[in-house]
Amino acid sequence: NVRYPGQNWSLAVEVETVCHPDRDLLAVRVVSPLLARGQVAIRICFPYGTGATVTADWAHPDAHETMLHRPESSAAVFSRKLDHDAYEVMAQWTRGATLRQVAKHEFVLTPRAGTDRLELVCAFAPKPIRGRLPTFARTRKAAVAHWNRFWTTGGAIDLSGSKDPRWRELERRIVLSQYLAAIQCAAHLPPQETGLTYNSWEGKFHLEMHWWHAAQFALWNRLPLLEKSLGYYAAILPEAEHTARRQGYAGARWPKMTGPAGRESPSSVGPFLIWQEPHPIFYAELCYRAHPDRATLRRFDEIVRQTAEFMASYAEWETNRNRFVLGPVLQCAQEIFPKNKTLNPTFELTYWRWGLETAQQWRVRQGLPREAKWDRVLHGLATPALEDDKYLFAETARGTYTEKKWTDDHPSVTAAFGMLPGPGIDRETMRRTLHWIRDNWNWPDTWGWDYGMLAMCAARLGEPEGAIDALLRDTPKNHYGINGHNYQRPGLTIYLPGNGSLLYAVAMMAAGWDGAPAKRAPGFPDNGQWT
């Protein structure tokens, strides 16, 4: 409502905004009697770009260009040039409306006199757009059909019969996270951790986070939304192979913080991180479980093979103890550990064991013999280290339990028997580890995806109450706003890996996992409080 000072009346302005499901196109409808009075219009502005969190720079109008072309009275083409980049914006609007330029890069669209409705459709493309654009009504119809199809296919969870009062909040997070993941995490490139909403980490995406963003699509029977981004690994395979060769390894070393070209970004962390390396094998296995055929094997064979080649060559033989080890130098998922001193982190060791064995299974499925050098690493790989009958986060993390050290950042040791099925992991040892983490961790220093990771571990251990408690733990990094976004801190108010982690964990808890108890919803409490 637009209210006028000193007067007791107001006039509504209704604005409806729709994104086209298949095109880079935005449609807007404004309805208000204020349009007819000439008191409301649509303003179109074009900013310069920045590397900052908020990418619009309105302070340097001379740094970029906007050229206006008028092919007809109710349409316009804006040709944009920013440094060496260029793109086109085609706009169409309600007949009779008038477009005028009011400043550099700024335009105002006003309706015909006496009209209380104004519609605008804008399409964006790197090259000139041919043909007419769909109307607002057609765009809205396409969006309605798209979202009806989305919500009536794939997985769904209804908790409304539950007695535990927390069901409403959990279901709210589930539904909103499904929506946010669909619009933010399902493009042809892996997403930024803030998706498309604003800029994070200089616009780069993080491949270790790709799992937390998008692996969940497979569990919700929306595998195509994951598959869209998997072609990226084939596209950057030559770059990943070059990185491995340059560092003296075989196969392909996948980057951590990167962009469309697949090059590693300058960082004190990224070039040393390794837990993203087995991810492509995990994605390939998700696809194979959905489509166990030769086409899937052919599609991912090279990616799986080159990933395993790197993993086997990365493990180093420790002669004095007759074993293969990981590190140093490495940066583990729990990034607080010094990379030049960290040896054998438990999660990474387990992921190496799982990844190499799964790669061997890909060979067997194709009628090929097991790869001897992969088996040599598998059979000789170090086992996770213990302290006080619990798993150390890394072999070099002594003092964790005796001195309560290293309780910051991700409790990623739990991913070894949560995100992963835990090859080589002892259940009771992990149970003691999880309970200690639950009671002693520095929760304000965590990240949003940690809570789904903990829930998966609790579920696999047969502790469904603990899984629910982890998903809904009251701590700042596990806060979900009214729009469903996972809040982390000022400047990082959107964190989509948290949404994806929640969805992966809940899907497991509802539909089960390999080796799960043979009952409905094995990861939810069977205490009469949850339906």
Foldseek 3Di string as FASTA:
>chain_A
DDDDPPDDDDWDWDKDWFQFPPAQKIKIKIFTVVLLVVNDWDKFADAAADLAFATGDNPCLPQWAWDWDDPDQFKIKTWIGHPPATKIKIKGKDPQWHWDADDRRMIIIGHHHRDRMMMMMIGIGSDDDDDDDDGNVVRVVNRVVVVVVVVVDFADDDWVVFQPVCSVVLNLLQVLLSVCLQVFQQAQAGAAQQGPPTHDPSNWHFLLLNCLSAVLCLLRVNLNSNVSNLVLCVQQQVVQQVVQVVVPFFFGQFWTTGHSNRDHDDDPATVQAHPSLLVSLVSLVSVCVVPVDVVSLVVCLSVLVRSLRRLLRQFDADVVVGATKHDQQHQYQLRPDHNHPFIAFQQSLLSNLVSLVSNQVSQVSVVHHGDVSSVSNNVRHDAFDDDPLAGDRTPPRPCCPVPVPSQAEAPCNLLCVFVHVNVRDDLVNHVVVLVCNVVRHPVLRYALLRLLSSLRSCLSSQNLVRSVCSQPPPYQQNDADPSSAGQNDVSPGGGSSNSSSSSNSQSCQQVHDVPAPPDGSSNHDPPRRTD
